[in-house]
PDB file of N, CA and C in Angstrom:
ATOM      1  N   MET A   1      22.019   5.226  33.317  1.00  0.00           N
ATOM      2  CA  MET A   1      22.247   6.645  33.460  1.00  0.00           C
ATOM      3  C   MET A   1      21.087   7.423  32.844  1.00  0.00           C
ATOM      4  N   GLY A   2      19.992   6.746  32.529  1.00  0.00           N
ATOM      5  CA  GLY A   2      18.849   7.400  31.918  1.00  0.00           C
ATOM      6  C   GLY A   2      18.010   8.154  32.942  1.00  0.00           C
ATOM      7  N   ILE A   3      16.901   8.648  32.481  1.00  0.00           N
ATOM      8  CA  ILE A   3      15.983   9.399  33.338  1.00  0.00           C
ATOM      9  C   ILE A   3      15.074   8.411  34.056  1.00  0.00           C
ATOM     10  N   SER A   4      14.941   8.572  35.352  1.00  0.00           N
ATOM     11  CA  SER A   4      14.100   7.665  36.127  1.00  0.00           C
ATOM     12  C   SER A   4      12.638   8.127  36.040  1.00  0.00           C
ATOM     13  N   ILE A   5      11.741   7.284  36.515  1.00  0.00           N
ATOM     14  CA  ILE A   5      10.311   7.588  36.491  1.00  0.00           C
ATOM     15  C   ILE A   5       9.996   8.801  37.360  1.00  0.00           C
ATOM     16  N   TRP A   6      10.726   8.970  38.465  1.00  0.00           N
ATOM     17  CA  TRP A   6      10.472  10.098  39.355  1.00  0.00           C
ATOM     18  C   TRP A   6      10.854  11.420  38.691  1.00  0.00           C
ATOM     19  N   GLN A   7      11.938  11.408  37.949  1.00  0.00           N
ATOM     20  CA  GLN A   7      12.350  12.620  37.242  1.00  0.00           C
ATOM     21  C   GLN A   7      11.330  12.989  36.162  1.00  0.00           C
ATOM     22  N   LEU A   8      10.806  11.981  35.469  1.00  0.00           N
ATOM     23  CA  LEU A   8       9.777  12.239  34.456  1.00  0.00           C
ATOM     24  C   LEU A   8       8.505  12.808  35.085  1.00  0.00           C
ATOM     25  N   LEU A   9       8.110  12.274  36.243  1.00  0.00           N
ATOM     26  CA  LEU A   9       6.920  12.775  36.922  1.00  0.00           C
ATOM     27  C   LEU A   9       7.101  14.225  37.380  1.00  0.00           C
ATOM     28  N   ILE A  10       8.276  14.553  37.877  1.00  0.00           N
ATOM     29  CA  ILE A  10       8.542  15.939  38.301  1.00  0.00           C
ATOM     30  C   ILE A  10       8.490  16.875  37.105  1.00  0.00           C
ATOM     31  N   ILE A  11       9.069  16.465  35.989  1.00  0.00           N
ATOM     32  CA  ILE A  11       9.023  17.288  34.771  1.00  0.00           C
ATOM     33  C   ILE A  11       7.585  17.462  34.310  1.00  0.00           C
ATOM     34  N   LEU A  12       6.786  16.399  34.355  1.00  0.00           N
ATOM     35  CA  LEU A  12       5.379  16.465  33.953  1.00  0.00           C
ATOM     36  C   LEU A  12       4.595  17.438  34.837  1.00  0.00           C
ATOM     37  N   VAL A  13       4.806  17.387  36.127  1.00  0.00           N
ATOM     38  CA  VAL A  13       4.119  18.293  37.053  1.00  0.00           C
ATOM     39  C   VAL A  13       4.504  19.750  36.765  1.00  0.00           C
ATOM     40  N   ILE A  14       5.772  19.996  36.534  1.00  0.00           N
ATOM     41  CA  ILE A  14       6.221  21.369  36.241  1.00  0.00           C
ATOM     42  C   ILE A  14       5.604  21.870  34.942  1.00  0.00           C
ATOM     43  N   VAL A  15       5.559  21.019  33.919  1.00  0.00           N
ATOM     44  CA  VAL A  15       4.966  21.423  32.635  1.00  0.00           C
ATOM     45  C   VAL A  15       3.483  21.721  32.804  1.00  0.00           C
ATOM     46  N   ILE A  16       2.771  20.905  33.569  1.00  0.00           N
ATOM     47  CA  ILE A  16       1.338  21.137  33.802  1.00  0.00           C
ATOM     48  C   ILE A  16       1.125  22.437  34.570  1.00  0.00           C
ATOM     49  N   LEU A  17       1.965  22.698  35.540  1.00  0.00           N
ATOM     50  CA  LEU A  17       1.837  23.948  36.294  1.00  0.00           C
ATOM     51  C   LEU A  17       2.131  25.166  35.424  1.00  0.00           C
ATOM     52  N   LEU A  18       3.084  25.054  34.534  1.00  0.00           N
ATOM     53  CA  LEU A  18       3.441  26.190  33.678  1.00  0.00           C
ATOM     54  C   LEU A  18       2.393  26.477  32.610  1.00  0.00           C
ATOM     55  N   PHE A  19       1.924  25.435  31.932  1.00  0.00           N
ATOM     56  CA  PHE A  19       1.058  25.638  30.781  1.00  0.00           C
ATOM     57  C   PHE A  19      -0.419  25.399  31.062  1.00  0.00           C
ATOM     58  N   GLY A  20      -0.742  24.552  31.989  1.00  0.00           N
ATOM     59  CA  GLY A  20      -2.139  24.225  32.257  1.00  0.00           C
ATOM     60  C   GLY A  20      -2.619  23.110  31.347  1.00  0.00           C
ATOM     61  N   THR A  21      -3.672  22.427  31.781  1.00  0.00           N
ATOM     62  CA  THR A  21      -4.149  21.266  31.035  1.00  0.00           C
ATOM     63  C   THR A  21      -4.841  21.650  29.733  1.00  0.00           C
ATOM     64  N   LYS A  22      -5.577  22.762  29.720  1.00  0.00           N
ATOM     65  CA  LYS A  22      -6.273  23.158  28.492  1.00  0.00           C
ATOM     66  C   LYS A  22      -5.290  23.511  27.391  1.00  0.00           C
ATOM     67  N   ARG A  23      -4.248  24.215  27.759  1.00  0.00           N
ATOM     68  CA  ARG A  23      -3.260  24.616  26.762  1.00  0.00           C
ATOM     69  C   ARG A  23      -2.488  23.394  26.251  1.00  0.00           C
ATOM     70  N   LEU A  24      -2.170  22.460  27.140  1.00  0.00           N
ATOM     71  CA  LEU A  24      -1.480  21.237  26.719  1.00  0.00           C
ATOM     72  C   LEU A  24      -2.356  20.400  25.795  1.00  0.00           C
ATOM     73  N   LYS A  25      -3.669  20.367  26.074  1.00  0.00           N
ATOM     74  CA  LYS A  25      -4.593  19.630  25.222  1.00  0.00           C
ATOM     75  C   LYS A  25      -4.626  20.257  23.833  1.00  0.00           C
ATOM     76  N   GLY A  26      -4.661  21.573  23.774  1.00  0.00           N
ATOM     77  CA  GLY A  26      -4.649  22.263  22.483  1.00  0.00           C
ATOM     78  C   GLY A  26      -3.356  22.040  21.727  1.00  0.00           C
ATOM     79  N   LEU A  27      -2.240  22.059  22.440  1.00  0.00           N
ATOM     80  CA  LEU A  27      -0.946  21.815  21.799  1.00  0.00           C
ATOM     81  C   LEU A  27      -0.874  20.387  21.257  1.00  0.00           C
ATOM     82  N   GLY A  28      -1.413  19.446  22.002  1.00  0.00           N
ATOM     83  CA  GLY A  28      -1.427  18.058  21.552  1.00  0.00           C
ATOM     84  C   GLY A  28      -2.264  17.881  20.295  1.00  0.00           C
ATOM     85  N   GLY A  29      -3.416  18.526  20.261  1.00  0.00           N
ATOM     86  CA  GLY A  29      -4.268  18.454  19.073  1.00  0.00           C
ATOM     87  C   GLY A  29      -3.617  19.094  17.859  1.00  0.00           C
ATOM     88  N   ASP A  30      -2.978  20.243  18.078  1.00  0.00           N
ATOM     89  CA  ASP A  30      -2.288  20.915  16.980  1.00  0.00           C
ATOM     90  C   ASP A  30      -1.118  20.080  16.462  1.00  0.00           C
ATOM     91  N   LEU A  31      -0.389  19.464  17.374  1.00  0.00           N
ATOM     92  CA  LEU A  31       0.733  18.620  16.978  1.00  0.00           C
ATOM     93  C   LEU A  31       0.243  17.406  16.194  1.00  0.00           C
ATOM     94  N   GLY A  32      -0.854  16.816  16.628  1.00  0.00           N
ATOM     95  CA  GLY A  32      -1.426  15.677  15.912  1.00  0.00           C
ATOM     96  C   GLY A  32      -1.880  16.056  14.514  1.00  0.00           C
ATOM     97  N   ALA A  33      -2.517  17.214  14.371  1.00  0.00           N
ATOM     98  CA  ALA A  33      -2.961  17.680  13.054  1.00  0.00           C
ATOM     99  C   ALA A  33      -1.764  17.965  12.150  1.00  0.00           C
ATOM    100  N   ALA A  34      -0.707  18.521  12.704  1.00  0.00           N
ATOM    101  CA  ALA A  34       0.490  18.809  11.912  1.00  0.00           C
ATOM    102  C   ALA A  34       1.142  17.522  11.416  1.00  0.00           C
ATOM    103  N   ILE A  35       1.207  16.515  12.276  1.00  0.00           N
ATOM    104  CA  ILE A  35       1.800  15.240  11.874  1.00  0.00           C
ATOM    105  C   ILE A  35       0.955  14.579  10.795  1.00  0.00           C
ATOM    106  N   LYS A  36      -0.367  14.640  10.940  1.00  0.00           N
ATOM    107  CA  LYS A  36      -1.260  14.056   9.940  1.00  0.00           C
ATOM    108  C   LYS A  36      -1.099  14.751   8.600  1.00  0.00           C
ATOM    109  N   SER A  37      -1.014  16.075   8.614  1.00  0.00           N
ATOM    110  CA  SER A  37      -0.817  16.843   7.393  1.00  0.00           C
ATOM    111  C   SER A  37       0.524  16.516   6.742  1.00  0.00           C
ATOM    112  N   PHE A  38       1.564  16.375   7.553  1.00  0.00           N
ATOM    113  CA  PHE A  38       2.889  16.039   7.038  1.00  0.00           C
ATOM    114  C   PHE A  38       2.883  14.675   6.363  1.00  0.00           C
ATOM    115  N   ARG A  39       2.253  13.694   7.001  1.00  0.00           N
ATOM    116  CA  ARG A  39       2.195  12.348   6.422  1.00  0.00           C
ATOM    117  C   ARG A  39       1.424  12.351   5.111  1.00  0.00           C
ATOM    118  N   THR A  40       0.334  13.109   5.042  1.00  0.00           N
ATOM    119  CA  THR A  40      -0.445  13.204   3.814  1.00  0.00           C
ATOM    120  C   THR A  40       0.386  13.831   2.700  1.00  0.00           C
ATOM    121  N   ALA A  41       1.135  14.878   3.018  1.00  0.00           N
ATOM    122  CA  ALA A  41       1.970  15.532   2.018  1.00  0.00           C
ATOM    123  C   ALA A  41       3.067  14.601   1.515  1.00  0.00           C
ATOM    124  N   ILE A  42       3.659  13.830   2.399  1.00  0.00           N
ATOM    125  CA  ILE A  42       4.697  12.871   2.006  1.00  0.00           C
ATOM    126  C   ILE A  42       4.097  11.804   1.088  1.00  0.00           C
ATOM    127  N   LYS A  43       2.915  11.312   1.441  1.00  0.00           N
ATOM    128  CA  LYS A  43       2.257  10.281   0.638  1.00  0.00           C
ATOM    129  C   LYS A  43       1.918  10.821  -0.747  1.00  0.00           C
ATOM    130  N   ASP A  44       1.406  12.052  -0.820  1.00  0.00           N
ATOM    131  CA  ASP A  44       1.083  12.662  -2.103  1.00  0.00           C
ATOM    132  C   ASP A  44       2.333  12.873  -2.950  1.00  0.00           C
ATOM    133  N   GLY A  45       3.421  13.258  -2.311  1.00  0.00           N
ATOM    134  CA  GLY A  45       4.676  13.455  -3.031  1.00  0.00           C
ATOM    135  C   GLY A  45       5.204  12.160  -3.611  1.00  0.00           C
ATOM    136  N   GLU A  46       5.079  11.072  -2.874  1.00  0.00           N
ATOM    137  CA  GLU A  46       5.523   9.773  -3.370  1.00  0.00           C
ATOM    138  C   GLU A  46       4.672   9.327  -4.548  1.00  0.00           C
ATOM    139  N   GLU A  47       3.361   9.560  -4.479  1.00  0.00           N
ATOM    140  CA  GLU A  47       2.475   9.192  -5.582  1.00  0.00           C
ATOM    141  C   GLU A  47       2.797  10.013  -6.822  1.00  0.00           C
ATOM    142  N   ASP A  48       3.064  11.309  -6.660  1.00  0.00           N
ATOM    143  CA  ASP A  48       3.428  12.161  -7.785  1.00  0.00           C
ATOM    144  C   ASP A  48       4.734  11.709  -8.424  1.00  0.00           C
ATOM    145  N   ALA A  49       5.687  11.289  -7.607  1.00  0.00           N
ATOM    146  CA  ALA A  49       6.970  10.812  -8.123  1.00  0.00           C
ATOM    147  C   ALA A  49       6.778   9.538  -8.938  1.00  0.00           C
ATOM    148  N   LYS A  50       5.884   8.656  -8.493  1.00  0.00           N
ATOM    149  CA  LYS A  50       5.623   7.424  -9.248  1.00  0.00           C
ATOM    150  C   LYS A  50       4.978   7.745 -10.588  1.00  0.00           C
ATOM    151  N   ILE A  51       4.045   8.692 -10.594  1.00  0.00           N
ATOM    152  CA  ILE A  51       3.376   9.079 -11.837  1.00  0.00           C
ATOM    153  C   ILE A  51       4.374   9.707 -12.793  1.00  0.00           C
ATOM    154  N   ASP A  52       5.245  10.580 -12.302  1.00  0.00           N
ATOM    155  CA  ASP A  52       6.259  11.222 -13.143  1.00  0.00           C
ATOM    156  C   ASP A  52       7.227  10.201 -13.716  1.00  0.00           C
ATOM    157  N   ALA A  53       7.563   9.198 -12.941  1.00  0.00           N
ATOM    158  CA  ALA A  53       8.485   8.166 -13.417  1.00  0.00           C
ATOM    159  C   ALA A  53       7.857   7.360 -14.553  1.00  0.00           C
ATOM    160  N   LYS A  54       6.553   7.148 -14.491  1.00  0.00           N
ATOM    161  CA  LYS A  54       5.875   6.400 -15.545  1.00  0.00           C
ATOM    162  C   LYS A  54       5.751   7.227 -16.819  1.00  0.00           C
ATOM    163  N   GLU A  55       5.476   8.513 -16.706  1.00  0.00           N
ATOM    164  CA  GLU A  55       5.226   9.358 -17.868  1.00  0.00           C
ATOM    165  C   GLU A  55       6.501   9.893 -18.502  1.00  0.00           C
ATOM    166  N   GLY A  56       7.564   9.961 -17.780  1.00  0.00           N
ATOM    167  CA  GLY A  56       8.790  10.567 -18.275  1.00  0.00           C
ATOM    168  C   GLY A  56       9.105  11.773 -17.419  1.00  0.00           C
ATOM    169  N   GLU A  57      10.181  12.447 -17.731  1.00  0.00           N
ATOM    170  CA  GLU A  57      10.563  13.610 -16.949  1.00  0.00           C
ATOM    171  C   GLU A  57       9.834  14.845 -17.448  1.00  0.00           C
ATOM    172  N   THR A  58       9.528  15.745 -16.531  1.00  0.00           N
ATOM    173  CA  THR A  58       8.913  17.010 -16.912  1.00  0.00           C
ATOM    174  C   THR A  58       9.948  18.112 -16.794  1.00  0.00           C
ATOM    175  N   ILE A  59      10.053  18.902 -17.861  1.00  0.00           N
ATOM    176  CA  ILE A  59      10.962  20.039 -17.865  1.00  0.00           C
ATOM    177  C   ILE A  59      10.154  21.251 -18.294  1.00  0.00           C
ATOM    178  N   ASP A  60       9.988  22.199 -17.402  1.00  0.00           N
ATOM    179  CA  ASP A  60       9.222  23.419 -17.658  1.00  0.00           C
ATOM    180  C   ASP A  60       7.836  23.120 -18.219  1.00  0.00           C
ATOM    181  N   GLY A  61       7.190  22.123 -17.686  1.00  0.00           N
ATOM    182  CA  GLY A  61       5.822  21.812 -18.092  1.00  0.00           C
ATOM    183  C   GLY A  61       5.745  20.885 -19.287  1.00  0.00           C
ATOM    184  N   GLU A  62       6.869  20.579 -19.942  1.00  0.00           N
ATOM    185  CA  GLU A  62       6.859  19.686 -21.092  1.00  0.00           C
ATOM    186  C   GLU A  62       7.167  18.274 -20.631  1.00  0.00           C
ATOM    187  N   VAL A  63       6.480  17.336 -21.208  1.00  0.00           N
ATOM    188  CA  VAL A  63       6.769  15.936 -20.918  1.00  0.00           C
ATOM    189  C   VAL A  63       7.630  15.424 -22.052  1.00  0.00           C
ATOM    190  N   THR A  64       8.802  14.962 -21.729  1.00  0.00           N
ATOM    191  CA  THR A  64       9.709  14.450 -22.749  1.00  0.00           C
ATOM    192  C   THR A  64       9.851  12.957 -22.568  1.00  0.00           C
ATOM    193  N   SER A  65       9.908  12.247 -23.666  1.00  0.00           N
ATOM    194  CA  SER A  65      10.064  10.797 -23.572  1.00  0.00           C
ATOM    195  C   SER A  65      11.538  10.463 -23.402  1.00  0.00           C
ATOM    196  N   LYS A  66      11.792   9.263 -23.011  1.00  0.00           N
ATOM    197  CA  LYS A  66      13.173   8.843 -22.800  1.00  0.00           C
ATOM    198  C   LYS A  66      13.916   8.709 -24.122  1.00  0.00           C
ATOM    199  N   GLU A  67      13.194   8.375 -25.224  1.00  0.00           N
ATOM    200  CA  GLU A  67      13.831   8.269 -26.531  1.00  0.00           C
ATOM    201  C   GLU A  67      14.301   9.638 -27.007  1.00  0.00           C
ATOM    202  N   HIS A  68      13.511  10.672 -26.735  1.00  0.00           N
ATOM    203  CA  HIS A  68      13.855  12.029 -27.147  1.00  0.00           C
ATOM    204  C   HIS A  68      15.111  12.513 -26.431  1.00  0.00           C
ATOM    205  N   GLN A  69      15.337  12.053 -25.210  1.00  0.00           N
ATOM    206  CA  GLN A  69      16.497  12.486 -24.435  1.00  0.00           C
ATOM    207  C   GLN A  69      17.788  11.897 -24.982  1.00  0.00           C
ATOM    208  N   LYS A  70      17.725  10.737 -25.647  1.00  0.00           N
ATOM    209  CA  LYS A  70      18.925  10.101 -26.153  1.00  0.00           C
ATOM    210  C   LYS A  70      19.493  10.832 -27.362  1.00  0.00           C
ATOM    211  N   ARG A  71      18.663  11.550 -28.118  1.00  0.00           N
ATOM    212  CA  ARG A  71      19.103  12.237 -29.337  1.00  0.00           C
ATOM    213  C   ARG A  71      19.992  13.378 -29.078  1.00  0.00           C
TER     214      ARG A  71
END
């Protein structure tokens, strides 16, 4: 019950007629740059979380040790 190849081709032709190839190329490039930026931000966030876990928790700019939290 999925979409057949002919239906996909008709949709592709309609999209090309509506937007044009230059605009689709620009949209593809912008989408690729956005995905790359998102992946970089996720990777940086994971690295920051690992660093914070090693140093202790930060509260309002202060680094507190785990021993201090038990008191």
